[in-house]
Protein backbone atom coordinates (compact mmCIF):
# COMPACT_ATOMS: atom_id res chain seq x y z
CA MET A 1 -23.58 -16.86 28.84
CA LYS A 2 -20.01 -15.63 30.16
CA VAL A 3 -18.37 -12.35 28.97
CA ALA A 4 -15.00 -11.28 29.86
CA VAL A 5 -14.37 -7.76 29.50
CA VAL A 6 -10.64 -6.41 27.81
CA GLY A 7 -9.60 -2.43 28.29
CA CYS A 8 -10.79 -0.84 31.32
CA GLY A 9 -10.91 2.45 30.34
CA GLY A 10 -14.39 4.92 30.07
CA MET A 11 -15.71 2.15 27.75
CA GLY A 12 -14.90 -0.89 29.12
CA GLN A 13 -15.94 -0.10 32.23
CA TRP A 14 -19.57 0.97 30.61
CA HIS A 15 -19.54 -2.57 28.96
CA ALA A 16 -18.91 -4.14 32.37
CA LYS A 17 -20.87 -2.38 33.83
CA SER A 18 -23.75 -3.03 31.56
CA TYR A 19 -22.80 -7.13 31.55
CA ALA A 20 -23.38 -6.93 35.42
CA LYS A 21 -26.62 -6.37 35.62
CA MET A 22 -28.16 -7.89 32.26
CA PRO A 23 -30.20 -11.32 33.10
CA GLY A 24 -28.87 -14.27 31.72
CA VAL A 25 -25.24 -12.96 31.78
CA GLU A 26 -22.42 -13.48 33.95
CA LEU A 27 -19.62 -11.20 34.03
CA VAL A 28 -16.24 -13.60 34.16
CA GLY A 29 -13.24 -10.77 34.50
CA VAL A 30 -11.75 -7.58 33.42
CA CYS A 31 -8.45 -7.11 32.73
CA ASP A 32 -5.88 -4.32 31.57
CA VAL A 33 -2.13 -3.88 30.97
CA HIS A 34 -2.48 -1.39 33.63
CA LEU A 35 -3.91 -3.64 36.76
CA GLU A 36 -4.73 -0.95 38.91
CA SER A 37 -7.47 0.15 36.21
CA ALA A 38 -8.95 -3.93 36.06
CA VAL A 39 -8.87 -3.73 39.69
CA GLU A 40 -10.71 -0.35 40.16
CA ALA A 41 -13.33 -1.87 36.98
CA ALA A 42 -13.72 -5.04 38.97
CA ASN A 43 -14.56 -3.67 42.62
CA LYS A 44 -17.19 -1.92 41.06
CA VAL A 45 -18.87 -4.55 39.40
CA GLY A 46 -17.89 -7.53 41.27
CA THR A 47 -15.95 -9.24 39.25
CA ALA A 48 -12.36 -10.57 39.06
CA ALA A 49 -9.28 -8.83 37.72
CA PHE A 50 -6.57 -9.82 35.40
CA GLY A 51 -3.38 -7.37 34.16
CA SER A 52 -3.14 -9.27 30.70
CA PHE A 53 -5.50 -11.10 28.50
CA GLU A 54 -3.67 -14.06 28.29
CA GLU A 55 -3.91 -14.15 31.94
CA MET A 56 -7.09 -13.96 31.83
CA LEU A 57 -7.65 -16.54 29.04
CA SER A 58 -5.53 -19.24 31.26
CA THR A 59 -7.83 -18.51 34.50
CA VAL A 60 -11.40 -17.93 33.61
CA GLU A 61 -13.54 -19.76 31.02
CA PHE A 62 -15.71 -17.16 28.88
CA ASP A 63 -18.03 -17.43 25.69
CA VAL A 64 -17.74 -13.54 24.63
CA VAL A 65 -15.39 -10.54 25.27
CA SER A 66 -15.61 -7.19 25.13
CA ILE A 67 -13.15 -5.38 23.12
CA ALA A 68 -12.30 -1.77 24.63
CA VAL A 69 -8.63 -1.47 23.63
CA PRO A 70 -7.28 1.87 21.90
CA THR A 71 -7.87 1.22 18.06
CA PHE A 72 -4.44 0.57 17.22
CA VAL A 73 -4.07 -2.44 19.00
CA HIS A 74 -7.92 -4.12 18.05
CA LYS A 75 -6.29 -6.48 15.46
CA GLU A 76 -3.75 -7.83 18.18
CA VAL A 77 -6.50 -8.57 20.60
CA VAL A 78 -9.04 -9.60 18.45
CA PHE A 79 -7.25 -12.06 17.08
CA GLN A 80 -6.12 -13.37 20.31
CA ALA A 81 -9.69 -13.82 21.18
CA ALA A 82 -10.69 -15.26 18.04
CA LYS A 83 -8.38 -18.06 17.91
CA ALA A 84 -8.96 -18.77 21.53
CA GLY A 85 -12.53 -19.78 20.14
CA LYS A 86 -14.53 -16.50 22.05
CA HIS A 87 -17.15 -14.46 20.33
CA VAL A 88 -15.62 -11.01 19.95
CA ILE A 89 -17.76 -7.37 20.68
CA CYS A 90 -15.09 -4.92 19.33
CA GLU A 91 -15.59 -0.98 19.98
CA LYS A 92 -16.16 1.12 16.67
CA PRO A 93 -13.88 1.98 15.03
CA VAL A 94 -13.02 -1.73 13.53
CA ALA A 95 -9.65 -0.91 12.65
CA LEU A 96 -7.24 2.35 11.29
CA ASN A 97 -7.30 0.78 7.81
CA LEU A 98 -9.49 -1.62 5.27
CA GLU A 99 -6.44 -4.37 5.55
CA ASP A 100 -6.78 -5.16 8.97
CA ALA A 101 -10.58 -4.42 9.15
CA LYS A 102 -10.70 -7.53 6.56
CA GLU A 103 -7.89 -9.46 8.52
CA MET A 104 -9.95 -9.27 11.71
CA ILE A 105 -13.42 -10.46 10.00
CA ALA A 106 -11.08 -13.43 8.28
CA CYS A 107 -9.63 -14.40 11.41
CA CYS A 108 -12.99 -14.69 13.05
CA GLU A 109 -14.37 -16.56 10.48
CA GLU A 110 -11.57 -18.96 9.99
CA ASN A 111 -12.01 -19.84 13.97
CA GLY A 112 -15.64 -20.02 14.16
CA VAL A 113 -16.45 -17.31 15.91
CA ARG A 114 -18.73 -14.04 15.31
CA LEU A 115 -16.98 -11.05 15.56
CA PHE A 116 -19.63 -7.79 16.29
CA ILE A 117 -18.74 -3.63 15.69
CA GLY A 118 -19.98 -1.28 18.01
CA HIS A 119 -21.55 1.25 15.99
CA VAL A 120 -23.66 2.20 19.58
CA VAL A 121 -25.58 5.12 17.74
CA ARG A 122 -27.56 2.49 15.60
CA PHE A 123 -29.14 1.69 19.27
CA PHE A 124 -29.84 5.16 20.30
CA PRO A 125 -33.38 5.07 20.84
CA GLU A 126 -33.56 8.67 18.99
CA TYR A 127 -31.80 7.71 16.04
CA ALA A 128 -33.49 4.63 15.74
CA GLN A 129 -36.89 6.15 15.62
CA MET A 130 -35.64 8.76 13.05
CA LYS A 131 -34.96 5.72 10.89
CA GLN A 132 -38.52 4.32 11.66
CA GLN A 133 -39.63 7.60 10.66
CA MET A 134 -38.05 7.58 7.23
CA ASP A 135 -39.08 4.00 6.24
CA ALA A 136 -42.14 4.18 6.58
CA GLY A 137 -41.99 7.70 4.19
CA GLN A 138 -43.37 10.24 6.90
CA ILE A 139 -41.03 12.59 5.16
CA GLY A 140 -40.94 11.49 1.84
CA ARG A 141 -38.03 11.20 -0.06
CA VAL A 142 -35.03 12.29 1.67
CA GLY A 143 -32.76 15.16 -0.10
CA VAL A 144 -30.28 16.80 2.61
CA ALA A 145 -29.58 15.45 5.94
CA ASN A 146 -26.97 17.38 8.52
CA ALA A 147 -25.21 15.90 11.66
CA ARG A 148 -23.35 17.39 14.19
CA ARG A 149 -20.89 15.52 17.17
CA VAL A 150 -18.71 17.73 19.14
CA GLY A 151 -17.14 17.00 22.37
CA SER A 152 -13.66 17.84 24.44
CA HIS A 153 -10.61 16.15 23.01
CA PRO A 154 -10.20 13.04 24.45
CA GLY A 155 -6.66 13.15 23.75
CA GLU A 156 -6.55 15.54 27.24
CA ALA A 157 -7.56 12.13 29.19
CA ARG A 158 -5.62 9.76 26.78
CA PRO A 159 -2.45 11.03 24.98
CA TRP A 160 -2.97 8.25 22.23
CA PHE A 161 -6.14 10.00 20.49
CA LEU A 162 -3.77 13.05 19.88
CA ASP A 163 -1.85 10.60 17.66
CA ALA A 164 -3.99 10.33 14.43
CA ASP A 165 -1.76 6.88 13.82
CA LYS A 166 -3.33 5.59 17.08
CA SER A 167 -6.45 7.10 17.19
CA GLY A 168 -7.20 8.18 13.67
CA GLY A 169 -8.34 11.21 14.20
CA VAL A 170 -11.24 13.11 15.01
CA ILE A 171 -13.31 11.51 11.67
CA VAL A 172 -12.29 7.95 11.80
CA ASP A 173 -12.77 7.86 15.99
CA LEU A 174 -15.52 10.54 16.02
CA MET A 175 -17.59 11.02 13.10
CA VAL A 176 -17.43 7.13 12.10
CA HIS A 177 -20.52 7.43 13.80
CA ASP A 178 -22.82 9.38 11.80
CA ILE A 179 -21.12 8.23 8.60
CA ASP A 180 -22.14 4.80 9.82
CA PHE A 181 -25.57 5.81 10.48
CA MET A 182 -26.20 7.93 7.67
CA ARG A 183 -25.42 5.12 5.24
CA TRP A 184 -27.68 2.80 7.28
CA THR A 185 -30.32 5.02 6.35
CA LEU A 186 -29.71 6.88 3.16
CA GLY A 187 -27.80 3.97 1.29
CA GLU A 188 -24.40 3.78 -0.34
CA VAL A 189 -22.43 6.95 -0.91
CA LYS A 190 -21.22 7.63 -4.27
CA SER A 191 -18.55 10.54 -3.52
CA VAL A 192 -17.00 12.01 -0.73
CA TYR A 193 -15.45 15.82 0.35
CA GLY A 194 -13.38 16.41 3.30
CA MET A 195 -12.01 19.68 5.25
CA ASN A 196 -10.01 19.49 8.51
CA LYS A 197 -8.53 21.99 10.85
CA CYS A 198 -6.17 20.65 13.40
CA GLU A 199 -3.92 22.25 15.80
CA GLY A 200 -3.15 20.51 19.28
CA THR A 201 -6.13 19.60 20.94
CA MET A 202 -8.45 21.12 18.30
CA ASP A 203 -9.73 18.68 16.08
CA TYR A 204 -12.80 19.96 13.52
CA ALA A 205 -13.91 18.30 10.61
CA LEU A 206 -16.55 18.91 7.73
CA VAL A 207 -17.64 16.26 5.43
CA THR A 208 -20.09 16.04 2.73
CA LEU A 209 -21.70 12.93 1.08
CA VAL A 210 -23.52 12.03 -1.78
CA PHE A 211 -25.28 9.20 -1.98
CA GLU A 212 -26.36 6.83 -5.09
CA SER A 213 -29.91 7.82 -4.49
CA GLY A 214 -28.81 11.74 -4.44
CA ALA A 215 -29.35 12.64 -0.97
CA VAL A 216 -26.79 14.83 0.49
CA ALA A 217 -25.90 14.29 3.90
CA ASN A 218 -23.31 17.06 5.76
CA LEU A 219 -21.32 15.67 8.52
CA GLU A 220 -19.64 18.18 11.31
CA ALA A 221 -17.07 16.73 13.46
CA PHE A 222 -15.18 18.57 16.78
CA TRP A 223 -12.71 17.65 19.27
CA GLY A 224 -11.91 20.38 21.41
CA TYR A 225 -15.21 21.89 21.86
CA PRO A 226 -15.90 23.91 25.01
CA GLY A 227 -18.89 22.63 26.33
CA SER A 228 -20.06 18.98 27.02
CA PHE A 229 -20.84 16.34 24.72
CA ARG A 230 -23.48 16.73 21.98
CA TYR A 231 -24.85 16.04 18.94
CA ALA A 232 -27.82 16.18 16.55
CA ALA A 233 -28.78 14.97 13.41
CA GLU A 234 -31.47 16.03 10.96
CA PHE A 235 -33.41 15.18 7.75
CA ALA A 236 -35.18 16.68 5.11
CA GLY A 237 -37.58 15.18 2.88
CA SER A 238 -39.78 16.00 0.35
CA GLU A 239 -42.87 16.03 2.99
CA GLY A 240 -41.38 16.72 6.06
CA LEU A 241 -38.46 17.17 8.20
CA VAL A 242 -37.31 14.87 10.85
CA ARG A 243 -34.65 15.78 14.18
CA THR A 244 -32.71 15.14 17.02
CA ASP A 245 -30.79 17.16 18.96
CA SER A 246 -29.27 15.54 22.37
CA MET A 247 -29.43 19.42 24.43
CA SER A 248 -32.60 20.37 23.53
CA ALA A 249 -34.13 17.15 24.83
CA GLN A 250 -32.68 18.14 28.05
CA SER A 251 -34.83 21.27 29.99
CA LEU A 252 -32.21 21.19 32.65
CA GLN A 253 -28.08 21.14 31.99
CA ILE A 254 -25.66 21.46 34.46
CA ARG A 255 -21.99 21.09 33.91
CA LYS A 256 -19.35 20.95 37.02
CA ALA A 257 -15.61 20.58 36.97
CA ALA A 258 -14.12 17.48 38.06
CA PRO A 259 -13.49 17.41 41.75
CA PRO A 260 -9.48 16.78 42.54
CA GLU A 261 -10.09 13.50 44.14
CA SER A 262 -11.62 12.38 40.56
CA GLY A 263 -8.06 12.17 39.02
CA GLY A 264 -9.02 15.19 36.67
CA LYS A 265 -9.65 14.75 32.99
CA ALA A 266 -11.91 11.76 31.39
CA VAL A 267 -12.58 10.43 28.34
CA GLU A 268 -16.44 11.76 28.05
CA ILE A 269 -18.93 9.21 26.84
CA PRO A 270 -21.71 9.81 24.63
CA GLN A 271 -25.28 9.92 26.76
CA SER A 272 -28.77 9.76 25.15
CA PRO A 273 -31.12 11.95 26.67
CA ASN A 274 -33.52 8.73 27.09
CA PHE A 275 -34.16 6.61 29.71
CA PHE A 276 -33.00 3.52 27.82
CA ASP A 277 -28.82 2.86 27.76
CA PRO A 278 -28.13 2.33 24.15
CA TYR A 279 -24.81 0.37 25.42
CA TYR A 280 -26.70 -2.03 27.30
CA ILE A 281 -29.31 -2.13 24.33
CA GLU A 282 -26.26 -3.03 21.94
CA LEU A 283 -24.46 -5.37 24.28
CA GLU A 284 -27.70 -7.28 24.78
CA HIS A 285 -28.48 -7.57 21.33
CA PHE A 286 -25.05 -8.81 20.38
CA LEU A 287 -25.31 -11.94 22.57
CA SER A 288 -28.90 -12.18 21.64
CA CYS A 289 -26.97 -12.68 17.75
CA ILE A 290 -25.02 -15.40 19.38
CA ARG A 291 -27.31 -17.11 21.36
CA ASP A 292 -30.01 -17.60 18.29
CA GLY A 293 -27.49 -17.43 15.58
CA SER A 294 -29.32 -14.16 13.75
CA ASP A 295 -27.71 -11.49 12.09
CA PRO A 296 -27.31 -8.00 13.88
CA ILE A 297 -28.49 -4.68 13.36
CA VAL A 298 -25.00 -3.28 12.34
CA THR A 299 -22.51 -6.19 10.96
CA ALA A 300 -18.32 -6.12 10.71
CA GLN A 301 -18.98 -5.50 6.78
CA ASP A 302 -21.31 -2.52 7.50
CA ALA A 303 -17.79 -1.17 10.11
CA CYS A 304 -15.96 -1.78 6.84
CA GLU A 305 -17.82 0.10 4.96
CA ALA A 306 -17.81 3.03 7.46
CA LEU A 307 -14.01 2.93 7.35
CA ARG A 308 -13.62 2.84 4.05
CA ILE A 309 -15.71 6.54 3.64
CA ALA A 310 -13.69 7.78 6.68
CA LYS A 311 -10.49 7.33 4.70
CA ALA A 312 -12.21 8.28 1.44
CA ALA A 313 -12.28 11.77 3.88
CA LEU A 314 -9.16 12.13 4.78
CA ASP A 315 -7.87 11.10 1.26
CA SER A 316 -9.81 14.31 0.26
CA ILE A 317 -8.70 16.11 2.80
CA GLN A 318 -5.03 15.15 1.29
CA THR A 319 -5.56 16.07 -2.07
CA GLY A 320 -8.37 18.67 -2.28
CA LYS A 321 -10.98 16.89 -4.47
CA VAL A 322 -13.66 14.93 -4.36
CA VAL A 323 -13.52 10.95 -3.98
CA LEU A 324 -15.57 8.43 -5.86
CA LEU A 325 -15.86 5.49 -4.60
């Protein structure tokens, strides 16, 4: 299967690196509007570099494209890819508003191509294991859940993250991971209540979800955290508790300042302390779905629902009231 990557920031380079070592896959090209970024990524994985998607489409043949461009241009690039007959793997969040997300899904359906959205937390082994334990009834009926996801502000490396109209802010861009996982695990959401404190490179949010099942989840997300990226989740049930914490899983923690030659700050890519790379697992899964026509673990409709809940949290913050879904 021939694949290409659009967008050569940190996430795009991670996609490219994954494809380059994946059996049965040929990475035929990477592109970025900043050609130097494309060249840097291409040199790392031994493929061709392009300065525009149009140039790549007209030069090389491929079946699937990974889209890792800023969120505010997701729709534009997905439309280009779908109309060119390419299957699409797009980074989360699917879009900044539900109208764009639905149009992206419709465009892919009209052009007979698949659309996958990279809600990678479902592929983190420790999260997948937590869901397996809960599905097996190991902790009984879940009543309360908590999740925390914090890190430095990506706007320090990519200024567009500082503009909520382009990134969606900490809820739409970061917390959406936990929103999706909670819905996958606990079912449909009944109500949403949110709080937010945002000043410069500090963007903190706390959102409470009440589910149709009666379970309650408190989600915390923080850009501007003075430390390395970390995440944690905990589910309390009638017969026990299951939890994961990225920091407690590491016996040794070292954080070094970036050397001057590294180019300074970069957007952090969340890592799992487990041996297996969740991004590789995710991309390999999506490609297998294209090969055999099967349904993915996370669908484009799931991504729309996560975005809908995130937007409800923003509405709650604006009004100070609970939003009923």
